[in-house]
C-alpha atoms as a PDB file:
ATOM      1  CA  UNK A   1       5.441  53.115  -4.595  1.00  0.00           C
ATOM      2  CA  UNK A   2       2.429  52.970  -2.322  1.00  0.00           C
ATOM      3  CA  UNK A   3      -0.330  51.474  -4.455  1.00  0.00           C
ATOM      4  CA  UNK A   4      -1.391  47.833  -3.947  1.00  0.00           C
ATOM      5  CA  UNK A   5       0.822  45.822  -6.283  1.00  0.00           C
ATOM      6  CA  UNK A   6       2.755  42.563  -5.810  1.00  0.00           C
ATOM      7  CA  UNK A   7       6.052  42.612  -3.949  1.00  0.00           C
ATOM      8  CA  UNK A   8       7.932  41.798  -7.157  1.00  0.00           C
ATOM      9  CA  UNK A   9       7.127  45.294  -8.413  1.00  0.00           C
ATOM     10  CA  UNK A  10       6.506  47.191  -5.182  1.00  0.00           C
ATOM     11  CA  UNK A  11      10.207  47.602  -4.521  1.00  0.00           C
ATOM     12  CA  UNK A  12      11.047  48.962  -7.969  1.00  0.00           C
ATOM     13  CA  UNK A  13      12.160  52.558  -8.281  1.00  0.00           C
ATOM     14  CA  UNK A  14      10.025  52.871 -11.423  1.00  0.00           C
ATOM     15  CA  UNK A  15       7.543  50.709 -13.278  1.00  0.00           C
ATOM     16  CA  UNK A  16       8.991  51.949 -16.570  1.00  0.00           C
ATOM     17  CA  UNK A  17      11.689  49.271 -16.555  1.00  0.00           C
ATOM     18  CA  UNK A  18       8.971  46.635 -16.975  1.00  0.00           C
ATOM     19  CA  UNK A  19       7.747  45.082 -20.204  1.00  0.00           C
ATOM     20  CA  UNK A  20       5.394  46.993 -22.524  1.00  0.00           C
ATOM     21  CA  UNK A  21       2.487  44.535 -22.602  1.00  0.00           C
ATOM     22  CA  UNK A  22       0.737  46.372 -25.471  1.00  0.00           C
ATOM     23  CA  UNK A  23       3.624  46.789 -27.895  1.00  0.00           C
ATOM     24  CA  UNK A  24       3.204  45.509 -31.427  1.00  0.00           C
ATOM     25  CA  UNK A  25       6.450  43.593 -30.825  1.00  0.00           C
ATOM     26  CA  UNK A  26       4.635  41.240 -28.440  1.00  0.00           C
ATOM     27  CA  UNK A  27       1.403  41.049 -30.447  1.00  0.00           C
ATOM     28  CA  UNK A  28      -0.531  44.045 -29.126  1.00  0.00           C
ATOM     29  CA  UNK A  29      -3.371  45.206 -31.413  1.00  0.00           C
ATOM     30  CA  UNK A  30      -5.649  48.220 -31.692  1.00  0.00           C
ATOM     31  CA  UNK A  31      -9.086  46.708 -32.257  1.00  0.00           C
ATOM     32  CA  UNK A  32     -11.188  49.810 -32.855  1.00  0.00           C
ATOM     33  CA  UNK A  33     -11.490  53.539 -32.349  1.00  0.00           C
ATOM     34  CA  UNK A  34     -14.155  56.190 -32.666  1.00  0.00           C
ATOM     35  CA  UNK A  35     -12.182  58.188 -35.237  1.00  0.00           C
ATOM     36  CA  UNK A  36      -8.684  58.280 -36.753  1.00  0.00           C
ATOM     37  CA  UNK A  37      -9.217  60.785 -39.529  1.00  0.00           C
ATOM     38  CA  UNK A  38      -5.746  62.371 -39.431  1.00  0.00           C
ATOM     39  CA  UNK A  39      -3.504  59.533 -38.171  1.00  0.00           C
ATOM     40  CA  UNK A  40      -4.111  55.788 -37.930  1.00  0.00           C
ATOM     41  CA  UNK A  41      -4.923  54.139 -34.627  1.00  0.00           C
ATOM     42  CA  UNK A  42      -2.323  51.374 -35.257  1.00  0.00           C
ATOM     43  CA  UNK A  43       0.477  53.902 -34.708  1.00  0.00           C
ATOM     44  CA  UNK A  44      -0.292  53.926 -30.974  1.00  0.00           C
ATOM     45  CA  UNK A  45       1.454  50.603 -30.347  1.00  0.00           C
ATOM     46  CA  UNK A  46       4.531  51.028 -32.538  1.00  0.00           C
ATOM     47  CA  UNK A  47       7.652  49.908 -30.709  1.00  0.00           C
ATOM     48  CA  UNK A  48       9.767  52.742 -32.122  1.00  0.00           C
ATOM     49  CA  UNK A  49       9.611  56.317 -30.778  1.00  0.00           C
ATOM     50  CA  UNK A  50       7.405  58.749 -32.673  1.00  0.00           C
ATOM     51  CA  UNK A  51       9.025  60.889 -35.359  1.00  0.00           C
ATOM     52  CA  UNK A  52       8.121  64.200 -36.969  1.00  0.00           C
ATOM     53  CA  UNK A  53       8.595  64.951 -40.676  1.00  0.00           C
ATOM     54  CA  UNK A  54       7.971  68.693 -41.232  1.00  0.00           C
ATOM     55  CA  UNK A  55       7.036  68.619 -44.925  1.00  0.00           C
ATOM     56  CA  UNK A  56       5.036  65.390 -45.003  1.00  0.00           C
ATOM     57  CA  UNK A  57       1.319  65.795 -45.723  1.00  0.00           C
ATOM     58  CA  UNK A  58      -1.508  63.512 -46.809  1.00  0.00           C
ATOM     59  CA  UNK A  59      -4.742  64.319 -48.627  1.00  0.00           C
ATOM     60  CA  UNK A  60      -6.355  64.701 -45.180  1.00  0.00           C
ATOM     61  CA  UNK A  61      -3.774  67.068 -43.723  1.00  0.00           C
ATOM     62  CA  UNK A  62      -0.488  66.964 -41.837  1.00  0.00           C
ATOM     63  CA  UNK A  63       1.027  63.496 -41.479  1.00  0.00           C
ATOM     64  CA  UNK A  64       1.516  62.608 -37.812  1.00  0.00           C
ATOM     65  CA  UNK A  65       3.106  59.555 -36.246  1.00  0.00           C
ATOM     66  CA  UNK A  66       0.366  58.640 -33.793  1.00  0.00           C
ATOM     67  CA  UNK A  67      -3.402  58.335 -33.419  1.00  0.00           C
ATOM     68  CA  UNK A  68      -5.180  61.605 -34.264  1.00  0.00           C
ATOM     69  CA  UNK A  69      -8.891  62.260 -34.614  1.00  0.00           C
ATOM     70  CA  UNK A  70     -10.603  65.202 -36.322  1.00  0.00           C
ATOM     71  CA  UNK A  71     -11.810  68.241 -34.363  1.00  0.00           C
ATOM     72  CA  UNK A  72     -15.047  67.192 -32.696  1.00  0.00           C
ATOM     73  CA  UNK A  73     -18.093  69.347 -33.494  1.00  0.00           C
ATOM     74  CA  UNK A  74     -20.608  67.261 -31.530  1.00  0.00           C
ATOM     75  CA  UNK A  75     -20.843  66.246 -27.851  1.00  0.00           C
ATOM     76  CA  UNK A  76     -18.732  63.338 -26.609  1.00  0.00           C
ATOM     77  CA  UNK A  77     -15.125  62.218 -26.802  1.00  0.00           C
ATOM     78  CA  UNK A  78     -12.914  59.734 -28.669  1.00  0.00           C
ATOM     79  CA  UNK A  79     -12.256  56.141 -27.599  1.00  0.00           C
ATOM     80  CA  UNK A  80      -9.691  53.535 -28.646  1.00  0.00           C
ATOM     81  CA  UNK A  81      -9.819  49.823 -27.685  1.00  0.00           C
ATOM     82  CA  UNK A  82      -6.565  47.851 -27.380  1.00  0.00           C
ATOM     83  CA  UNK A  83      -5.935  44.127 -27.003  1.00  0.00           C
ATOM     84  CA  UNK A  84      -2.761  43.478 -25.024  1.00  0.00           C
ATOM     85  CA  UNK A  85      -0.184  41.285 -26.696  1.00  0.00           C
ATOM     86  CA  UNK A  86       0.614  39.800 -23.288  1.00  0.00           C
ATOM     87  CA  UNK A  87      -2.183  39.719 -20.672  1.00  0.00           C
ATOM     88  CA  UNK A  88      -0.843  40.725 -17.309  1.00  0.00           C
ATOM     89  CA  UNK A  89      -0.740  42.936 -14.249  1.00  0.00           C
ATOM     90  CA  UNK A  90      -0.347  46.610 -15.163  1.00  0.00           C
ATOM     91  CA  UNK A  91       1.590  48.952 -12.901  1.00  0.00           C
ATOM     92  CA  UNK A  92       1.594  52.097 -15.013  1.00  0.00           C
ATOM     93  CA  UNK A  93       1.119  53.779 -18.389  1.00  0.00           C
ATOM     94  CA  UNK A  94       2.871  56.218 -20.655  1.00  0.00           C
ATOM     95  CA  UNK A  95       0.581  58.387 -22.769  1.00  0.00           C
ATOM     96  CA  UNK A  96       3.061  60.002 -25.141  1.00  0.00           C
ATOM     97  CA  UNK A  97       1.960  63.167 -26.977  1.00  0.00           C
ATOM     98  CA  UNK A  98       5.305  63.723 -28.739  1.00  0.00           C
ATOM     99  CA  UNK A  99       5.016  66.340 -31.541  1.00  0.00           C
ATOM    100  CA  UNK A 100       1.366  67.038 -30.740  1.00  0.00           C
ATOM    101  CA  UNK A 101       1.623  70.646 -29.558  1.00  0.00           C
ATOM    102  CA  UNK A 102      -1.667  72.360 -30.379  1.00  0.00           C
ATOM    103  CA  UNK A 103      -3.702  69.266 -31.168  1.00  0.00           C
ATOM    104  CA  UNK A 104      -3.334  66.921 -28.184  1.00  0.00           C
ATOM    105  CA  UNK A 105      -6.270  65.853 -25.956  1.00  0.00           C
ATOM    106  CA  UNK A 106      -6.951  67.949 -22.893  1.00  0.00           C
ATOM    107  CA  UNK A 107      -7.379  64.835 -20.737  1.00  0.00           C
ATOM    108  CA  UNK A 108      -7.454  61.045 -20.885  1.00  0.00           C
ATOM    109  CA  UNK A 109      -8.662  58.107 -18.803  1.00  0.00           C
ATOM    110  CA  UNK A 110      -8.014  54.374 -19.130  1.00  0.00           C
ATOM    111  CA  UNK A 111     -10.233  51.369 -18.391  1.00  0.00           C
ATOM    112  CA  UNK A 112      -9.136  47.740 -18.199  1.00  0.00           C
ATOM    113  CA  UNK A 113     -10.935  44.461 -18.823  1.00  0.00           C
ATOM    114  CA  UNK A 114     -10.083  40.997 -17.506  1.00  0.00           C
ATOM    115  CA  UNK A 115     -12.645  39.167 -19.625  1.00  0.00           C
ATOM    116  CA  UNK A 116     -11.864  40.213 -23.180  1.00  0.00           C
ATOM    117  CA  UNK A 117     -13.798  43.485 -23.108  1.00  0.00           C
ATOM    118  CA  UNK A 118     -17.117  42.310 -21.660  1.00  0.00           C
ATOM    119  CA  UNK A 119     -16.803  44.298 -18.443  1.00  0.00           C
ATOM    120  CA  UNK A 120     -14.580  47.292 -17.678  1.00  0.00           C
ATOM    121  CA  UNK A 121     -12.848  48.726 -14.619  1.00  0.00           C
ATOM    122  CA  UNK A 122     -11.324  52.195 -14.369  1.00  0.00           C
ATOM    123  CA  UNK A 123      -7.538  52.009 -14.025  1.00  0.00           C
ATOM    124  CA  UNK A 124      -6.680  55.689 -14.525  1.00  0.00           C
ATOM    125  CA  UNK A 125      -9.250  58.373 -13.770  1.00  0.00           C
ATOM    126  CA  UNK A 126      -9.664  61.422 -15.996  1.00  0.00           C
ATOM    127  CA  UNK A 127      -6.243  63.078 -15.991  1.00  0.00           C
ATOM    128  CA  UNK A 128      -4.935  66.262 -17.600  1.00  0.00           C
ATOM    129  CA  UNK A 129      -2.345  65.751 -20.355  1.00  0.00           C
ATOM    130  CA  UNK A 130       0.531  67.924 -21.511  1.00  0.00           C
ATOM    131  CA  UNK A 131       1.432  68.334 -25.164  1.00  0.00           C
ATOM    132  CA  UNK A 132       4.685  67.023 -26.652  1.00  0.00           C
ATOM    133  CA  UNK A 133       5.263  65.114 -23.387  1.00  0.00           C
ATOM    134  CA  UNK A 134       5.649  61.566 -22.128  1.00  0.00           C
ATOM    135  CA  UNK A 135       2.798  61.657 -19.624  1.00  0.00           C
ATOM    136  CA  UNK A 136       3.461  59.004 -16.939  1.00  0.00           C
ATOM    137  CA  UNK A 137       0.345  57.650 -15.232  1.00  0.00           C
ATOM    138  CA  UNK A 138       0.518  55.058 -12.400  1.00  0.00           C
ATOM    139  CA  UNK A 139      -2.189  52.429 -12.069  1.00  0.00           C
ATOM    140  CA  UNK A 140      -3.569  52.647  -8.531  1.00  0.00           C
ATOM    141  CA  UNK A 141      -6.441  50.229  -9.186  1.00  0.00           C
ATOM    142  CA  UNK A 142      -4.657  46.991  -8.226  1.00  0.00           C
ATOM    143  CA  UNK A 143      -2.902  44.253 -10.142  1.00  0.00           C
ATOM    144  CA  UNK A 144      -5.664  42.214 -11.762  1.00  0.00           C
ATOM    145  CA  UNK A 145      -4.832  40.245 -14.909  1.00  0.00           C
ATOM    146  CA  UNK A 146      -5.843  42.590 -17.756  1.00  0.00           C
ATOM    147  CA  UNK A 147      -6.463  41.494 -21.355  1.00  0.00           C
ATOM    148  CA  UNK A 148      -7.902  44.655 -22.974  1.00  0.00           C
ATOM    149  CA  UNK A 149      -7.747  48.428 -22.495  1.00  0.00           C
ATOM    150  CA  UNK A 150     -10.068  51.280 -23.389  1.00  0.00           C
ATOM    151  CA  UNK A 151      -8.321  54.634 -23.848  1.00  0.00           C
ATOM    152  CA  UNK A 152     -10.567  57.708 -23.559  1.00  0.00           C
ATOM    153  CA  UNK A 153      -9.355  60.913 -25.258  1.00  0.00           C
ATOM    154  CA  UNK A 154     -11.167  64.095 -24.112  1.00  0.00           C
ATOM    155  CA  UNK A 155     -12.500  65.535 -26.321  1.00  0.00           C
ATOM    156  CA  UNK A 156     -10.323  64.784 -29.385  1.00  0.00           C
ATOM    157  CA  UNK A 157      -6.795  65.204 -30.745  1.00  0.00           C
ATOM    158  CA  UNK A 158      -3.586  63.231 -31.088  1.00  0.00           C
ATOM    159  CA  UNK A 159      -1.617  60.747 -29.005  1.00  0.00           C
ATOM    160  CA  UNK A 160       1.669  59.430 -30.392  1.00  0.00           C
ATOM    161  CA  UNK A 161       2.198  56.271 -28.351  1.00  0.00           C
ATOM    162  CA  UNK A 162       0.596  54.250 -25.575  1.00  0.00           C
ATOM    163  CA  UNK A 163       2.963  52.198 -23.402  1.00  0.00           C
ATOM    164  CA  UNK A 164       1.557  49.724 -20.891  1.00  0.00           C
ATOM    165  CA  UNK A 165       4.114  48.678 -18.277  1.00  0.00           C
ATOM    166  CA  UNK A 166       3.579  45.469 -16.356  1.00  0.00           C
ATOM    167  CA  UNK A 167       4.316  41.792 -15.868  1.00  0.00           C
ATOM    168  CA  UNK A 168       2.803  38.838 -17.686  1.00  0.00           C
ATOM    169  CA  UNK A 169       0.184  36.712 -15.968  1.00  0.00           C
ATOM    170  CA  UNK A 170       0.032  33.622 -18.197  1.00  0.00           C
ATOM    171  CA  UNK A 171      -2.779  31.076 -18.180  1.00  0.00           C
ATOM    172  CA  UNK A 172      -0.664  28.171 -16.963  1.00  0.00           C
ATOM    173  CA  UNK A 173      -3.480  25.612 -17.059  1.00  0.00           C
ATOM    174  CA  UNK A 174      -3.938  26.180 -20.786  1.00  0.00           C
ATOM    175  CA  UNK A 175      -0.194  26.342 -21.441  1.00  0.00           C
ATOM    176  CA  UNK A 176       0.450  23.013 -19.741  1.00  0.00           C
ATOM    177  CA  UNK A 177      -2.500  21.321 -21.438  1.00  0.00           C
ATOM    178  CA  UNK A 178      -1.152  22.266 -24.872  1.00  0.00           C
ATOM    179  CA  UNK A 179       2.553  21.804 -24.103  1.00  0.00           C
ATOM    180  CA  UNK A 180       4.445  19.155 -26.044  1.00  0.00           C
ATOM    181  CA  UNK A 181       5.891  16.570 -23.615  1.00  0.00           C
ATOM    182  CA  UNK A 182       4.905  18.919 -20.790  1.00  0.00           C
ATOM    183  CA  UNK A 183       7.603  21.401 -21.806  1.00  0.00           C
ATOM    184  CA  UNK A 184       7.106  25.159 -22.091  1.00  0.00           C
ATOM    185  CA  UNK A 185       9.440  28.038 -22.941  1.00  0.00           C
ATOM    186  CA  UNK A 186       9.603  29.204 -19.337  1.00  0.00           C
ATOM    187  CA  UNK A 187      11.804  32.188 -20.256  1.00  0.00           C
ATOM    188  CA  UNK A 188       9.386  33.691 -22.803  1.00  0.00           C
ATOM    189  CA  UNK A 189       8.027  37.100 -21.812  1.00  0.00           C
ATOM    190  CA  UNK A 190       4.498  35.925 -22.629  1.00  0.00           C
ATOM    191  CA  UNK A 191       4.950  33.121 -20.084  1.00  0.00           C
ATOM    192  CA  UNK A 192       6.154  35.408 -17.303  1.00  0.00           C
ATOM    193  CA  UNK A 193       9.893  35.464 -17.983  1.00  0.00           C
ATOM    194  CA  UNK A 194      11.570  38.723 -16.940  1.00  0.00           C
ATOM    195  CA  UNK A 195      15.126  40.000 -17.436  1.00  0.00           C
ATOM    196  CA  UNK A 196      15.736  41.732 -14.134  1.00  0.00           C
ATOM    197  CA  UNK A 197      19.267  42.997 -14.755  1.00  0.00           C
ATOM    198  CA  UNK A 198      21.921  43.329 -17.447  1.00  0.00           C
ATOM    199  CA  UNK A 199      25.476  44.619 -17.386  1.00  0.00           C
ATOM    200  CA  UNK A 200      25.002  46.830 -20.459  1.00  0.00           C
ATOM    201  CA  UNK A 201      22.327  47.663 -23.056  1.00  0.00           C
ATOM    202  CA  UNK A 202      24.090  50.243 -25.196  1.00  0.00           C
ATOM    203  CA  UNK A 203      22.725  49.019 -28.542  1.00  0.00           C
ATOM    204  CA  UNK A 204      19.819  46.715 -27.675  1.00  0.00           C
ATOM    205  CA  UNK A 205      17.395  46.314 -24.757  1.00  0.00           C
ATOM    206  CA  UNK A 206      17.674  43.326 -22.412  1.00  0.00           C
ATOM    207  CA  UNK A 207      13.970  42.457 -22.692  1.00  0.00           C
ATOM    208  CA  UNK A 208      14.325  41.723 -26.409  1.00  0.00           C
ATOM    209  CA  UNK A 209      15.847  38.292 -25.762  1.00  0.00           C
ATOM    210  CA  UNK A 210      12.554  36.989 -24.328  1.00  0.00           C
ATOM    211  CA  UNK A 211      10.138  38.113 -27.057  1.00  0.00           C
ATOM    212  CA  UNK A 212       8.061  35.335 -28.643  1.00  0.00           C
ATOM    213  CA  UNK A 213       9.002  35.540 -32.347  1.00  0.00           C
ATOM    214  CA  UNK A 214      12.511  35.449 -33.840  1.00  0.00           C
ATOM    215  CA  UNK A 215      14.145  38.822 -34.370  1.00  0.00           C
ATOM    216  CA  UNK A 216      13.633  40.336 -37.820  1.00  0.00           C
ATOM    217  CA  UNK A 217      16.789  42.465 -37.643  1.00  0.00           C
ATOM    218  CA  UNK A 218      19.769  43.144 -35.394  1.00  0.00           C
ATOM    219  CA  UNK A 219      18.033  45.975 -33.540  1.00  0.00           C
ATOM    220  CA  UNK A 220      15.533  43.531 -32.037  1.00  0.00           C
ATOM    221  CA  UNK A 221      18.143  41.786 -29.894  1.00  0.00           C
ATOM    222  CA  UNK A 222      20.214  42.515 -26.788  1.00  0.00           C
ATOM    223  CA  UNK A 223      23.556  44.082 -27.707  1.00  0.00           C
ATOM    224  CA  UNK A 224      26.281  45.565 -25.529  1.00  0.00           C
ATOM    225  CA  UNK A 225      28.959  48.105 -26.403  1.00  0.00           C
ATOM    226  CA  UNK A 226      32.484  46.934 -27.260  1.00  0.00           C
ATOM    227  CA  UNK A 227      34.227  46.156 -23.992  1.00  0.00           C
ATOM    228  CA  UNK A 228      37.528  47.873 -23.292  1.00  0.00           C
ATOM    229  CA  UNK A 229      39.142  46.145 -20.340  1.00  0.00           C
ATOM    230  CA  UNK A 230      35.957  44.394 -19.177  1.00  0.00           C
ATOM    231  CA  UNK A 231      36.103  40.679 -19.939  1.00  0.00           C
ATOM    232  CA  UNK A 232      32.411  39.796 -20.113  1.00  0.00           C
ATOM    233  CA  UNK A 233      28.792  40.991 -20.102  1.00  0.00           C
ATOM    234  CA  UNK A 234      25.824  39.289 -18.476  1.00  0.00           C
ATOM    235  CA  UNK A 235      22.091  39.300 -17.826  1.00  0.00           C
ATOM    236  CA  UNK A 236      19.971  37.706 -15.100  1.00  0.00           C
ATOM    237  CA  UNK A 237      16.450  36.520 -15.851  1.00  0.00           C
ATOM    238  CA  UNK A 238      13.618  35.155 -13.731  1.00  0.00           C
ATOM    239  CA  UNK A 239      11.763  32.243 -15.301  1.00  0.00           C
ATOM    240  CA  UNK A 240       7.985  32.377 -15.526  1.00  0.00           C
ATOM    241  CA  UNK A 241       7.913  29.492 -13.064  1.00  0.00           C
ATOM    242  CA  UNK A 242      10.647  27.515 -11.328  1.00  0.00           C
ATOM    243  CA  UNK A 243      11.343  24.639 -13.714  1.00  0.00           C
ATOM    244  CA  UNK A 244      13.491  21.697 -14.579  1.00  0.00           C
ATOM    245  CA  UNK A 245      15.279  22.487 -17.843  1.00  0.00           C
ATOM    246  CA  UNK A 246      15.493  20.183 -20.863  1.00  0.00           C
ATOM    247  CA  UNK A 247      16.890  22.477 -23.573  1.00  0.00           C
ATOM    248  CA  UNK A 248      18.269  26.001 -23.924  1.00  0.00           C
ATOM    249  CA  UNK A 249      18.559  27.905 -27.191  1.00  0.00           C
ATOM    250  CA  UNK A 250      20.883  30.882 -27.677  1.00  0.00           C
ATOM    251  CA  UNK A 251      20.034  32.584 -30.959  1.00  0.00           C
ATOM    252  CA  UNK A 252      22.501  35.023 -32.545  1.00  0.00           C
ATOM    253  CA  UNK A 253      20.175  35.714 -35.488  1.00  0.00           C
ATOM    254  CA  UNK A 254      21.386  38.786 -37.485  1.00  0.00           C
ATOM    255  CA  UNK A 255      24.506  39.210 -35.322  1.00  0.00           C
ATOM    256  CA  UNK A 256      27.281  38.531 -37.836  1.00  0.00           C
ATOM    257  CA  UNK A 257      30.258  40.722 -36.995  1.00  0.00           C
ATOM    258  CA  UNK A 258      29.297  41.394 -33.403  1.00  0.00           C
ATOM    259  CA  UNK A 259      28.191  38.080 -31.862  1.00  0.00           C
ATOM    260  CA  UNK A 260      29.826  36.950 -28.594  1.00  0.00           C
ATOM    261  CA  UNK A 261      32.845  34.660 -28.840  1.00  0.00           C
ATOM    262  CA  UNK A 262      31.232  32.330 -26.274  1.00  0.00           C
ATOM    263  CA  UNK A 263      28.637  32.106 -23.517  1.00  0.00           C
ATOM    264  CA  UNK A 264      28.021  30.348 -20.202  1.00  0.00           C
ATOM    265  CA  UNK A 265      24.658  29.750 -18.489  1.00  0.00           C
ATOM    266  CA  UNK A 266      24.111  29.190 -14.762  1.00  0.00           C
ATOM    267  CA  UNK A 267      21.005  28.681 -12.649  1.00  0.00           C
ATOM    268  CA  UNK A 268      19.892  29.216  -9.071  1.00  0.00           C
ATOM    269  CA  UNK A 269      16.849  29.217  -6.826  1.00  0.00           C
ATOM    270  CA  UNK A 270      16.010  32.646  -5.414  1.00  0.00           C
ATOM    271  CA  UNK A 271      12.920  34.545  -4.216  1.00  0.00           C
ATOM    272  CA  UNK A 272      10.683  35.878  -7.006  1.00  0.00           C
ATOM    273  CA  UNK A 273      11.033  39.465  -5.777  1.00  0.00           C
ATOM    274  CA  UNK A 274      14.825  39.555  -6.032  1.00  0.00           C
ATOM    275  CA  UNK A 275      16.269  42.438  -8.047  1.00  0.00           C
ATOM    276  CA  UNK A 276      19.813  43.054  -9.264  1.00  0.00           C
ATOM    277  CA  UNK A 277      20.894  44.505  -5.914  1.00  0.00           C
ATOM    278  CA  UNK A 278      19.682  41.400  -4.089  1.00  0.00           C
ATOM    279  CA  UNK A 279      21.846  39.129  -6.225  1.00  0.00           C
ATOM    280  CA  UNK A 280      24.785  41.402  -5.491  1.00  0.00           C
ATOM    281  CA  UNK A 281      24.187  41.723  -1.754  1.00  0.00           C
ATOM    282  CA  UNK A 282      22.721  38.318  -0.806  1.00  0.00           C
ATOM    283  CA  UNK A 283      24.459  34.930  -1.001  1.00  0.00           C
ATOM    284  CA  UNK A 284      23.186  33.025  -4.040  1.00  0.00           C
ATOM    285  CA  UNK A 285      24.526  29.651  -5.130  1.00  0.00           C
ATOM    286  CA  UNK A 286      24.847  29.444  -8.908  1.00  0.00           C
ATOM    287  CA  UNK A 287      25.063  26.038 -10.607  1.00  0.00           C
ATOM    288  CA  UNK A 288      26.560  25.733 -14.072  1.00  0.00           C
ATOM    289  CA  UNK A 289      23.999  24.498 -16.601  1.00  0.00           C
ATOM    290  CA  UNK A 290      25.791  25.177 -19.895  1.00  0.00           C
ATOM    291  CA  UNK A 291      29.592  25.390 -19.584  1.00  0.00           C
ATOM    292  CA  UNK A 292      31.361  28.064 -21.581  1.00  0.00           C
ATOM    293  CA  UNK A 293      30.614  27.258 -25.211  1.00  0.00           C
ATOM    294  CA  UNK A 294      31.841  28.853 -28.446  1.00  0.00           C
ATOM    295  CA  UNK A 295      29.150  30.686 -30.416  1.00  0.00           C
ATOM    296  CA  UNK A 296      28.727  31.270 -34.141  1.00  0.00           C
ATOM    297  CA  UNK A 297      27.330  34.190 -36.116  1.00  0.00           C
ATOM    298  CA  UNK A 298      23.651  34.259 -37.153  1.00  0.00           C
ATOM    299  CA  UNK A 299      22.960  30.820 -35.620  1.00  0.00           C
ATOM    300  CA  UNK A 300      20.453  29.066 -33.368  1.00  0.00           C
ATOM    301  CA  UNK A 301      22.565  27.219 -30.787  1.00  0.00           C
ATOM    302  CA  UNK A 302      20.603  24.467 -29.022  1.00  0.00           C
ATOM    303  CA  UNK A 303      21.948  22.885 -25.843  1.00  0.00           C
ATOM    304  CA  UNK A 304      20.392  19.719 -24.459  1.00  0.00           C
ATOM    305  CA  UNK A 305      23.043  17.011 -24.162  1.00  0.00           C
ATOM    306  CA  UNK A 306      25.437  19.677 -22.900  1.00  0.00           C
ATOM    307  CA  UNK A 307      23.310  20.548 -19.850  1.00  0.00           C
ATOM    308  CA  UNK A 308      25.263  19.846 -16.668  1.00  0.00           C
ATOM    309  CA  UNK A 309      22.539  20.553 -14.118  1.00  0.00           C
ATOM    310  CA  UNK A 310      19.440  20.130 -16.251  1.00  0.00           C
ATOM    311  CA  UNK A 311      17.760  17.761 -13.814  1.00  0.00           C
ATOM    312  CA  UNK A 312      17.620  20.413 -11.107  1.00  0.00           C
ATOM    313  CA  UNK A 313      14.905  22.998 -10.601  1.00  0.00           C
ATOM    314  CA  UNK A 314      15.826  26.634 -11.180  1.00  0.00           C
ATOM    315  CA  UNK A 315      13.988  29.929 -10.747  1.00  0.00           C
ATOM    316  CA  UNK A 316      16.642  32.257 -12.236  1.00  0.00           C
ATOM    317  CA  UNK A 317      19.325  32.022 -14.908  1.00  0.00           C
ATOM    318  CA  UNK A 318      22.502  34.026 -15.420  1.00  0.00           C
ATOM    319  CA  UNK A 319      23.716  34.257 -19.022  1.00  0.00           C
ATOM    320  CA  UNK A 320      27.316  35.429 -19.398  1.00  0.00           C
ATOM    321  CA  UNK A 321      28.702  36.385 -22.813  1.00  0.00           C
ATOM    322  CA  UNK A 322      32.426  36.703 -23.527  1.00  0.00           C
ATOM    323  CA  UNK A 323      33.592  39.360 -24.047  1.00  0.00           C
ATOM    324  CA  UNK A 324      30.641  41.346 -25.416  1.00  0.00           C
ATOM    325  CA  UNK A 325      28.264  41.493 -28.396  1.00  0.00           C
ATOM    326  CA  UNK A 326      24.698  40.604 -29.232  1.00  0.00           C
ATOM    327  CA  UNK A 327      22.134  37.836 -28.698  1.00  0.00           C
ATOM    328  CA  UNK A 328      18.747  38.065 -30.366  1.00  0.00           C
ATOM    329  CA  UNK A 329      16.734  35.458 -28.420  1.00  0.00           C
ATOM    330  CA  UNK A 330      16.995  33.056 -25.497  1.00  0.00           C
ATOM    331  CA  UNK A 331      14.650  30.035 -25.237  1.00  0.00           C
ATOM    332  CA  UNK A 332      14.459  27.819 -22.155  1.00  0.00           C
ATOM    333  CA  UNK A 333      12.357  24.699 -22.651  1.00  0.00           C
ATOM    334  CA  UNK A 334      11.456  23.226 -19.298  1.00  0.00           C
ATOM    335  CA  UNK A 335       8.851  21.552 -17.127  1.00  0.00           C
ATOM    336  CA  UNK A 336       7.262  24.053 -14.719  1.00  0.00           C
ATOM    337  CA  UNK A 337       7.021  22.908 -11.105  1.00  0.00           C
END
């Protein structure tokens, strides 16, 4: 990728493996729109893929799973304003027009704001869209910390989903001022935590373990397939800041017949831009923080007294589960350095 973005993302094959900063799962909200006569603006940020139900109609017309305005009969175009659930640096967008075939916008553009919507900067210039397509749009405008977006739809029509791929840029001064005993969940996605690699994600995405709120069902966790001959699964995460660790929580909420038998947690210090291949190809010294520990179904496991290397400072953690299964959330309470 050639556009000016930090090294931690510049080496990625695709920005689409990053966190969706606008998803309703992380607190993203649609604040306003010019018109949503046919389909509600809130649908834009749904975490689930859009669906189509052929025989479903409302009193206003065909039911669509997205944001759809009426046919415009006056000059102008439609606009939708979004507040990101996690403010951060944006590397690209997905403007998904799934199931909108004859009623999608001809073009779109996207502005970003770093001050809550007071001033705006163009992130994506006016770009032609295709119907029933996941339109992928890189952000070439730099990696400022963005809090709000303004989506322009020319001149009208329907968009199923808006995905905003990036990395969190937390306000550390405020976080540390409000932190109890100076401790912060340094693994939380909202605080810059990133899962950079996982052995398997057959049933549940790796990023789910770092979302702020507890999972509401099993599908909101990280879950691997049943191993056949492989003796463990794992994920590697980068903390929001290198930190000394006081407590780690492994939550198996909603995993009742498919939780791991046990887990082990290790830590290391590595460059922020390291990806999975770097951990494989470069020498990294892992220190055991939580020795292999038996897990229970549907339980919040908290480790503090058990920490073996909790007084050290770590930038990355490796969580190994034996032999397979699901974890809903991982919390790492620490003191950022």
